[in-house]
Amino acid sequence: MTDIALNESLGSSYDQARERLRNALEAAGRAQDAAKLLAVSKTKPAAMIRQVWQLGQREFGENYLQEALEKQTELADLDDIVWHFIGPLQSNKTRAVAEHFDWVHSVDRLKIAKRLSEQRPAHLAPLNICLQVNISREESKAGVLPEALEELAKEVATLPNLHLRGLMAIPAPTEGVDAQRQPLAALREALTSLQSSLPDAPLDTLSMGMSDDLEAAVLEGATLVRLGTAIFGTRQSA
């Protein structure tokens, strides 16, 4: 594929993703700036990220640490890019994440949060944190269970180099908007409850909704919608 064709393809996909979000916000009766696209760029080359950045996108989500660090080096001249780590986070990766990312969406243990706080460089702003909630109670999924969420949130909110911003979830796949809305509504209600119990925390973020459930997520108050394939296309086989 030529650079021109790649630009045209990316531009068309990105415009379609933005239009889909605009339509979902309008249908939900929400302001057009009430939710933002998080472009999930895992497995995609830095050149594609640069092209989407040139189209106006600033928030990018990465799942794989080493891959992300290499892209960040290549894109170091884009000083207003905002990097979100959205993948599973083990203890041996926290230092690099604390040093190189603006957001982490996948915190589900106090140990991980403490390490991120301790390892966040002093010259950087506090790291924005979303707690990942296992809202569908799937054994195969990471995330804190809903009944343990408030205790974890209260602990994380006290850590000095973190800003607890909200919640993230990846619900079990279901068919139909009504069925999709149920776990997303539960996540929204969990955030509302935390806002009452932690009034001093900047809890303003619901990271939920992907290609298959964007409309349901926007109806239930999503503020960050994570889209990968819809923008960048399917992953290429090795």
C-alpha atoms as a PDB file:
ATOM      1  CA  MET A   1       0.000   0.000   0.000  1.00  0.00           C
ATOM      2  CA  THR A   2       1.368   3.423  -0.926  1.00  0.00           C
ATOM      3  CA  ASP A   3       1.662   6.257   1.578  1.00  0.00           C
ATOM      4  CA  ILE A   4      -1.084   8.151  -0.253  1.00  0.00           C
ATOM      5  CA  ALA A   5      -3.429   5.166  -0.190  1.00  0.00           C
ATOM      6  CA  LEU A   6      -2.613   4.570   3.458  1.00  0.00           C
ATOM      7  CA  ASN A   7      -3.390   8.186   4.282  1.00  0.00           C
ATOM      8  CA  GLU A   8      -6.688   8.034   2.424  1.00  0.00           C
ATOM      9  CA  SER A   9      -7.673   4.767   4.061  1.00  0.00           C
ATOM     10  CA  LEU A  10      -6.773   5.978   7.535  1.00  0.00           C
ATOM     11  CA  GLY A  11      -8.461   9.303   6.960  1.00  0.00           C
ATOM     12  CA  SER A  12     -11.670   7.632   5.862  1.00  0.00           C
ATOM     13  CA  SER A  13     -11.667   5.177   8.774  1.00  0.00           C
ATOM     14  CA  TYR A  14     -10.899   7.908  11.293  1.00  0.00           C
ATOM     15  CA  ASP A  15     -13.640  10.160   9.930  1.00  0.00           C
ATOM     16  CA  GLN A  16     -16.123   7.274  10.101  1.00  0.00           C
ATOM     17  CA  ALA A  17     -15.144   6.533  13.714  1.00  0.00           C
ATOM     18  CA  ARG A  18     -15.587  10.168  14.713  1.00  0.00           C
ATOM     19  CA  GLU A  19     -18.928  10.336  12.904  1.00  0.00           C
ATOM     20  CA  ARG A  20     -20.099   7.204  14.689  1.00  0.00           C
ATOM     21  CA  LEU A  21     -19.238   8.746  18.042  1.00  0.00           C
ATOM     22  CA  ARG A  22     -20.941  12.022  17.092  1.00  0.00           C
ATOM     23  CA  ASN A  23     -24.091  10.158  16.095  1.00  0.00           C
ATOM     24  CA  ALA A  24     -24.069   8.112  19.303  1.00  0.00           C
ATOM     25  CA  LEU A  25     -23.708  11.239  21.437  1.00  0.00           C
ATOM     26  CA  GLU A  26     -26.520  12.943  19.569  1.00  0.00           C
ATOM     27  CA  ALA A  27     -28.778   9.905  19.989  1.00  0.00           C
ATOM     28  CA  ALA A  28     -27.994   9.850  23.712  1.00  0.00           C
ATOM     29  CA  GLY A  29     -28.804  13.540  24.080  1.00  0.00           C
ATOM     30  CA  ARG A  30     -25.280  14.307  25.248  1.00  0.00           C
ATOM     31  CA  ALA A  31     -22.951  17.158  24.317  1.00  0.00           C
ATOM     32  CA  GLN A  32     -20.587  16.513  21.425  1.00  0.00           C
ATOM     33  CA  ASP A  33     -17.574  16.934  23.724  1.00  0.00           C
ATOM     34  CA  ALA A  34     -18.941  14.604  26.414  1.00  0.00           C
ATOM     35  CA  ALA A  35     -16.898  11.623  25.183  1.00  0.00           C
ATOM     36  CA  LYS A  36     -13.602  11.260  23.348  1.00  0.00           C
ATOM     37  CA  LEU A  37     -12.103   8.611  21.108  1.00  0.00           C
ATOM     38  CA  LEU A  38      -9.146   6.702  22.469  1.00  0.00           C
ATOM     39  CA  ALA A  39      -7.356   5.323  19.414  1.00  0.00           C
ATOM     40  CA  VAL A  40      -6.115   1.846  20.334  1.00  0.00           C
ATOM     41  CA  SER A  41      -2.917   1.524  18.362  1.00  0.00           C
ATOM     42  CA  LYS A  42      -1.537  -1.788  19.620  1.00  0.00           C
ATOM     43  CA  THR A  43       0.311  -3.782  16.932  1.00  0.00           C
ATOM     44  CA  LYS A  44       0.166  -0.791  14.568  1.00  0.00           C
ATOM     45  CA  PRO A  45       3.350   0.953  13.410  1.00  0.00           C
ATOM     46  CA  ALA A  46       4.392   4.377  14.588  1.00  0.00           C
ATOM     47  CA  ALA A  47       3.882   5.727  11.071  1.00  0.00           C
ATOM     48  CA  MET A  48       0.159   5.028  11.285  1.00  0.00           C
ATOM     49  CA  ILE A  49      -0.058   6.698  14.694  1.00  0.00           C
ATOM     50  CA  ARG A  50       1.688   9.756  13.283  1.00  0.00           C
ATOM     51  CA  GLN A  51      -0.794   9.935  10.420  1.00  0.00           C
ATOM     52  CA  VAL A  52      -3.796   9.714  12.751  1.00  0.00           C
ATOM     53  CA  TRP A  53      -2.180  12.347  14.977  1.00  0.00           C
ATOM     54  CA  GLN A  54      -1.938  14.575  11.913  1.00  0.00           C
ATOM     55  CA  LEU A  55      -5.704  14.155  11.513  1.00  0.00           C
ATOM     56  CA  GLY A  56      -6.215  15.623  14.974  1.00  0.00           C
ATOM     57  CA  GLN A  57      -6.196  12.598  17.270  1.00  0.00           C
ATOM     58  CA  ARG A  58      -4.203  13.068  20.473  1.00  0.00           C
ATOM     59  CA  GLU A  59      -5.137  10.151  22.768  1.00  0.00           C
ATOM     60  CA  PHE A  60      -3.633   6.742  21.973  1.00  0.00           C
ATOM     61  CA  GLY A  61      -3.952   3.439  23.843  1.00  0.00           C
ATOM     62  CA  GLU A  62      -1.292   0.726  23.953  1.00  0.00           C
ATOM     63  CA  ASN A  63      -1.441  -2.799  25.428  1.00  0.00           C
ATOM     64  CA  TYR A  64       2.105  -4.068  25.023  1.00  0.00           C
ATOM     65  CA  LEU A  65       4.805  -2.226  26.906  1.00  0.00           C
ATOM     66  CA  GLN A  66       7.943  -2.873  24.859  1.00  0.00           C
ATOM     67  CA  GLU A  67       6.145  -2.175  21.601  1.00  0.00           C
ATOM     68  CA  ALA A  68       4.729   1.035  23.053  1.00  0.00           C
ATOM     69  CA  LEU A  69       8.111   2.262  24.294  1.00  0.00           C
ATOM     70  CA  GLU A  70       9.619   1.797  20.841  1.00  0.00           C
ATOM     71  CA  LYS A  71       6.798   3.809  19.273  1.00  0.00           C
ATOM     72  CA  GLN A  72       7.146   6.544  21.870  1.00  0.00           C
ATOM     73  CA  THR A  73      10.823   6.913  20.996  1.00  0.00           C
ATOM     74  CA  GLU A  74      10.002   7.162  17.303  1.00  0.00           C
ATOM     75  CA  LEU A  75       7.232   9.703  17.967  1.00  0.00           C
ATOM     76  CA  ALA A  76       9.063  11.776  20.572  1.00  0.00           C
ATOM     77  CA  ASP A  77       8.627  14.929  18.503  1.00  0.00           C
ATOM     78  CA  LEU A  78       4.833  14.792  19.017  1.00  0.00           C
ATOM     79  CA  ASP A  79       4.971  16.533  22.362  1.00  0.00           C
ATOM     80  CA  ASP A  80       1.197  16.835  22.817  1.00  0.00           C
ATOM     81  CA  ILE A  81       0.403  13.150  22.319  1.00  0.00           C
ATOM     82  CA  VAL A  82      -1.302  11.512  25.313  1.00  0.00           C
ATOM     83  CA  TRP A  83      -0.351   7.894  25.998  1.00  0.00           C
ATOM     84  CA  HIS A  84      -2.750   5.506  27.745  1.00  0.00           C
ATOM     85  CA  PHE A  85      -1.618   2.076  28.955  1.00  0.00           C
ATOM     86  CA  ILE A  86      -4.675  -0.183  28.705  1.00  0.00           C
ATOM     87  CA  GLY A  87      -3.190  -3.686  28.868  1.00  0.00           C
ATOM     88  CA  PRO A  88      -2.560  -6.090  31.763  1.00  0.00           C
ATOM     89  CA  LEU A  89       0.034  -4.684  34.137  1.00  0.00           C
ATOM     90  CA  GLN A  90       2.489  -6.849  36.067  1.00  0.00           C
ATOM     91  CA  SER A  91       4.783  -5.627  38.822  1.00  0.00           C
ATOM     92  CA  ASN A  92       7.900  -5.831  36.664  1.00  0.00           C
ATOM     93  CA  LYS A  93       6.414  -3.353  34.176  1.00  0.00           C
ATOM     94  CA  THR A  94       5.231  -0.646  36.544  1.00  0.00           C
ATOM     95  CA  ARG A  95       8.379   1.479  36.499  1.00  0.00           C
ATOM     96  CA  ALA A  96       8.423   1.890  32.725  1.00  0.00           C
ATOM     97  CA  VAL A  97       4.686   2.591  32.667  1.00  0.00           C
ATOM     98  CA  ALA A  98       5.021   5.151  35.466  1.00  0.00           C
ATOM     99  CA  GLU A  99       7.827   6.860  33.575  1.00  0.00           C
ATOM    100  CA  HIS A 100       6.350   6.909  30.069  1.00  0.00           C
ATOM    101  CA  PHE A 101       2.561   7.066  30.195  1.00  0.00           C
ATOM    102  CA  ASP A 102      -0.040   9.693  31.081  1.00  0.00           C
ATOM    103  CA  TRP A 103      -2.862   7.283  31.925  1.00  0.00           C
ATOM    104  CA  VAL A 104      -3.212   3.685  33.123  1.00  0.00           C
ATOM    105  CA  HIS A 105      -6.615   2.010  32.718  1.00  0.00           C
ATOM    106  CA  SER A 106      -5.828  -1.446  34.053  1.00  0.00           C
ATOM    107  CA  VAL A 107      -5.127  -1.026  37.783  1.00  0.00           C
ATOM    108  CA  ASP A 108      -6.940  -3.659  39.821  1.00  0.00           C
ATOM    109  CA  ARG A 109      -4.628  -4.225  42.807  1.00  0.00           C
ATOM    110  CA  LEU A 110      -3.295  -1.919  45.497  1.00  0.00           C
ATOM    111  CA  LYS A 111       0.218  -3.333  45.045  1.00  0.00           C
ATOM    112  CA  ILE A 112       0.310  -2.156  41.427  1.00  0.00           C
ATOM    113  CA  ALA A 113      -1.059   1.271  42.339  1.00  0.00           C
ATOM    114  CA  LYS A 114       1.525   1.739  45.079  1.00  0.00           C
ATOM    115  CA  ARG A 115       4.364   0.839  42.735  1.00  0.00           C
ATOM    116  CA  LEU A 116       3.096   3.273  40.101  1.00  0.00           C
ATOM    117  CA  SER A 117       2.919   6.038  42.699  1.00  0.00           C
ATOM    118  CA  GLU A 118       6.376   5.295  44.086  1.00  0.00           C
ATOM    119  CA  GLN A 119       7.941   5.072  40.619  1.00  0.00           C
ATOM    120  CA  ARG A 120       6.289   8.120  39.041  1.00  0.00           C
ATOM    121  CA  PRO A 121       9.086  10.638  38.338  1.00  0.00           C
ATOM    122  CA  ALA A 122       8.844  13.796  40.420  1.00  0.00           C
ATOM    123  CA  HIS A 123       9.043  16.090  37.385  1.00  0.00           C
ATOM    124  CA  LEU A 124       5.927  14.564  35.811  1.00  0.00           C
ATOM    125  CA  ALA A 125       2.317  15.338  36.639  1.00  0.00           C
ATOM    126  CA  PRO A 126       0.487  12.715  38.700  1.00  0.00           C
ATOM    127  CA  LEU A 127      -0.403   9.609  36.718  1.00  0.00           C
ATOM    128  CA  ASN A 128      -4.084   9.377  35.788  1.00  0.00           C
ATOM    129  CA  ILE A 129      -5.575   6.083  36.945  1.00  0.00           C
ATOM    130  CA  CYS A 130      -8.685   4.128  36.032  1.00  0.00           C
ATOM    131  CA  LEU A 131      -9.522   1.087  38.102  1.00  0.00           C
ATOM    132  CA  GLN A 132     -10.396  -1.925  35.981  1.00  0.00           C
ATOM    133  CA  VAL A 133     -13.603  -3.561  37.188  1.00  0.00           C
ATOM    134  CA  ASN A 134     -14.536  -7.151  36.358  1.00  0.00           C
ATOM    135  CA  ILE A 135     -18.105  -6.038  35.864  1.00  0.00           C
ATOM    136  CA  SER A 136     -19.256  -9.299  34.276  1.00  0.00           C
ATOM    137  CA  ARG A 137     -17.456 -11.464  36.853  1.00  0.00           C
ATOM    138  CA  GLU A 138     -15.596 -13.481  34.245  1.00  0.00           C
ATOM    139  CA  GLU A 139     -12.964 -15.824  35.625  1.00  0.00           C
ATOM    140  CA  SER A 140     -10.774 -15.201  32.584  1.00  0.00           C
ATOM    141  CA  LYS A 141     -10.834 -11.416  32.964  1.00  0.00           C
ATOM    142  CA  ALA A 142      -8.706  -9.133  35.092  1.00  0.00           C
ATOM    143  CA  GLY A 143     -10.299  -6.506  37.264  1.00  0.00           C
ATOM    144  CA  VAL A 144     -11.423  -5.859  40.791  1.00  0.00           C
ATOM    145  CA  LEU A 145     -14.819  -7.328  41.672  1.00  0.00           C
ATOM    146  CA  PRO A 146     -17.554  -4.749  42.243  1.00  0.00           C
ATOM    147  CA  GLU A 147     -17.885  -5.499  45.957  1.00  0.00           C
ATOM    148  CA  ALA A 148     -14.176  -4.813  46.512  1.00  0.00           C
ATOM    149  CA  LEU A 149     -14.076  -1.652  44.413  1.00  0.00           C
ATOM    150  CA  GLU A 150     -14.784   0.973  47.054  1.00  0.00           C
ATOM    151  CA  GLU A 151     -12.077  -0.252  49.415  1.00  0.00           C
ATOM    152  CA  LEU A 152      -9.494  -0.299  46.613  1.00  0.00           C
ATOM    153  CA  ALA A 153     -10.565   3.135  45.369  1.00  0.00           C
ATOM    154  CA  LYS A 154     -10.226   4.682  48.815  1.00  0.00           C
ATOM    155  CA  GLU A 155      -6.692   3.315  49.139  1.00  0.00           C
ATOM    156  CA  VAL A 156      -5.629   4.405  45.641  1.00  0.00           C
ATOM    157  CA  ALA A 157      -7.057   7.880  46.182  1.00  0.00           C
ATOM    158  CA  THR A 158      -4.564   8.458  49.015  1.00  0.00           C
ATOM    159  CA  LEU A 159      -1.471   7.732  46.921  1.00  0.00           C
ATOM    160  CA  PRO A 160       0.505  10.927  46.316  1.00  0.00           C
ATOM    161  CA  ASN A 161       1.582  10.626  42.684  1.00  0.00           C
ATOM    162  CA  LEU A 162      -1.652   9.326  41.231  1.00  0.00           C
ATOM    163  CA  HIS A 163      -4.940  10.927  40.238  1.00  0.00           C
ATOM    164  CA  LEU A 164      -7.806   8.451  40.507  1.00  0.00           C
ATOM    165  CA  ARG A 165      -9.919   9.488  37.528  1.00  0.00           C
ATOM    166  CA  GLY A 166     -12.485   6.742  37.120  1.00  0.00           C
ATOM    167  CA  LEU A 167     -13.297   3.209  36.045  1.00  0.00           C
ATOM    168  CA  MET A 168     -12.654   0.916  33.101  1.00  0.00           C
ATOM    169  CA  ALA A 169     -14.341  -2.321  32.122  1.00  0.00           C
ATOM    170  CA  ILE A 170     -14.455  -4.832  29.292  1.00  0.00           C
ATOM    171  CA  PRO A 171     -17.874  -6.507  29.709  1.00  0.00           C
ATOM    172  CA  ALA A 172     -18.602  -9.984  28.424  1.00  0.00           C
ATOM    173  CA  PRO A 173     -19.777  -9.851  24.802  1.00  0.00           C
ATOM    174  CA  THR A 174     -23.544  -9.769  24.346  1.00  0.00           C
ATOM    175  CA  GLU A 175     -25.903  -9.186  21.440  1.00  0.00           C
ATOM    176  CA  GLY A 176     -28.173  -6.182  21.252  1.00  0.00           C
ATOM    177  CA  VAL A 177     -27.914  -2.723  22.731  1.00  0.00           C
ATOM    178  CA  ASP A 178     -30.267  -3.436  25.638  1.00  0.00           C
ATOM    179  CA  ALA A 179     -28.210  -6.415  26.816  1.00  0.00           C
ATOM    180  CA  GLN A 180     -24.965  -4.504  26.289  1.00  0.00           C
ATOM    181  CA  ARG A 181     -26.203  -1.618  28.393  1.00  0.00           C
ATOM    182  CA  GLN A 182     -26.728  -3.685  31.557  1.00  0.00           C
ATOM    183  CA  PRO A 183     -23.081  -4.158  32.660  1.00  0.00           C
ATOM    184  CA  LEU A 184     -22.206  -0.675  31.417  1.00  0.00           C
ATOM    185  CA  ALA A 185     -24.990   0.775  33.540  1.00  0.00           C
ATOM    186  CA  ALA A 186     -23.588  -1.128  36.506  1.00  0.00           C
ATOM    187  CA  LEU A 187     -20.181   0.474  35.898  1.00  0.00           C
ATOM    188  CA  ARG A 188     -21.737   3.928  35.665  1.00  0.00           C
ATOM    189  CA  GLU A 189     -23.597   3.337  38.928  1.00  0.00           C
ATOM    190  CA  ALA A 190     -20.362   2.184  40.560  1.00  0.00           C
ATOM    191  CA  LEU A 191     -18.684   5.435  39.537  1.00  0.00           C
ATOM    192  CA  THR A 192     -21.608   7.472  40.873  1.00  0.00           C
ATOM    193  CA  SER A 193     -21.287   5.658  44.186  1.00  0.00           C
ATOM    194  CA  LEU A 194     -17.553   6.367  44.338  1.00  0.00           C
ATOM    195  CA  GLN A 195     -18.160  10.027  43.591  1.00  0.00           C
ATOM    196  CA  SER A 196     -20.326  10.172  46.702  1.00  0.00           C
ATOM    197  CA  SER A 197     -17.867   8.336  48.936  1.00  0.00           C
ATOM    198  CA  LEU A 198     -14.760  10.104  47.548  1.00  0.00           C
ATOM    199  CA  PRO A 199     -15.937  13.680  46.903  1.00  0.00           C
ATOM    200  CA  ASP A 200     -12.386  15.064  46.724  1.00  0.00           C
ATOM    201  CA  ALA A 201     -11.194  12.683  44.007  1.00  0.00           C
ATOM    202  CA  PRO A 202     -11.384  13.871  40.355  1.00  0.00           C
ATOM    203  CA  LEU A 203     -13.670  11.003  39.359  1.00  0.00           C
ATOM    204  CA  ASP A 204     -14.847  12.030  35.912  1.00  0.00           C
ATOM    205  CA  THR A 205     -13.927   9.134  33.618  1.00  0.00           C
ATOM    206  CA  LEU A 206     -15.746   6.059  32.346  1.00  0.00           C
ATOM    207  CA  SER A 207     -13.455   4.150  29.974  1.00  0.00           C
ATOM    208  CA  MET A 208     -15.871   1.763  28.301  1.00  0.00           C
ATOM    209  CA  GLY A 209     -17.127   0.900  24.877  1.00  0.00           C
ATOM    210  CA  MET A 210     -15.327  -0.599  21.900  1.00  0.00           C
ATOM    211  CA  SER A 211     -16.276  -1.298  18.311  1.00  0.00           C
ATOM    212  CA  ASP A 212     -19.111  -3.688  19.141  1.00  0.00           C
ATOM    213  CA  ASP A 213     -20.753  -1.712  21.938  1.00  0.00           C
ATOM    214  CA  LEU A 214     -19.907   1.950  21.356  1.00  0.00           C
ATOM    215  CA  GLU A 215     -23.536   3.072  21.125  1.00  0.00           C
ATOM    216  CA  ALA A 216     -24.527   1.272  24.321  1.00  0.00           C
ATOM    217  CA  ALA A 217     -21.512   2.712  26.146  1.00  0.00           C
ATOM    218  CA  VAL A 218     -22.323   6.264  25.091  1.00  0.00           C
ATOM    219  CA  LEU A 219     -25.916   5.812  26.228  1.00  0.00           C
ATOM    220  CA  GLU A 220     -24.588   4.808  29.647  1.00  0.00           C
ATOM    221  CA  GLY A 221     -22.209   7.743  30.019  1.00  0.00           C
ATOM    222  CA  ALA A 222     -18.862   6.655  28.558  1.00  0.00           C
ATOM    223  CA  THR A 223     -16.321   9.477  28.455  1.00  0.00           C
ATOM    224  CA  LEU A 224     -13.516   7.524  26.727  1.00  0.00           C
ATOM    225  CA  VAL A 225     -14.431   5.062  23.982  1.00  0.00           C
ATOM    226  CA  ARG A 226     -11.641   2.684  22.934  1.00  0.00           C
ATOM    227  CA  LEU A 227     -11.539   2.043  19.177  1.00  0.00           C
ATOM    228  CA  GLY A 228      -8.775   0.142  17.423  1.00  0.00           C
ATOM    229  CA  THR A 229      -9.835  -1.850  14.376  1.00  0.00           C
ATOM    230  CA  ALA A 230     -12.422   0.763  13.408  1.00  0.00           C
ATOM    231  CA  ILE A 231      -9.620   3.293  12.978  1.00  0.00           C
ATOM    232  CA  PHE A 232      -6.516   1.305  12.067  1.00  0.00           C
ATOM    233  CA  GLY A 233      -7.967  -1.805  10.444  1.00  0.00           C
ATOM    234  CA  THR A 234      -7.431  -5.432  11.338  1.00  0.00           C
ATOM    235  CA  ARG A 235      -4.134  -6.728  12.621  1.00  0.00           C
ATOM    236  CA  GLN A 236      -1.857  -7.934   9.864  1.00  0.00           C
ATOM    237  CA  SER A 237      -0.665 -11.532  10.014  1.00  0.00           C
ATOM    238  CA  ALA A 238       3.050 -12.024  10.527  1.00  0.00           C
END
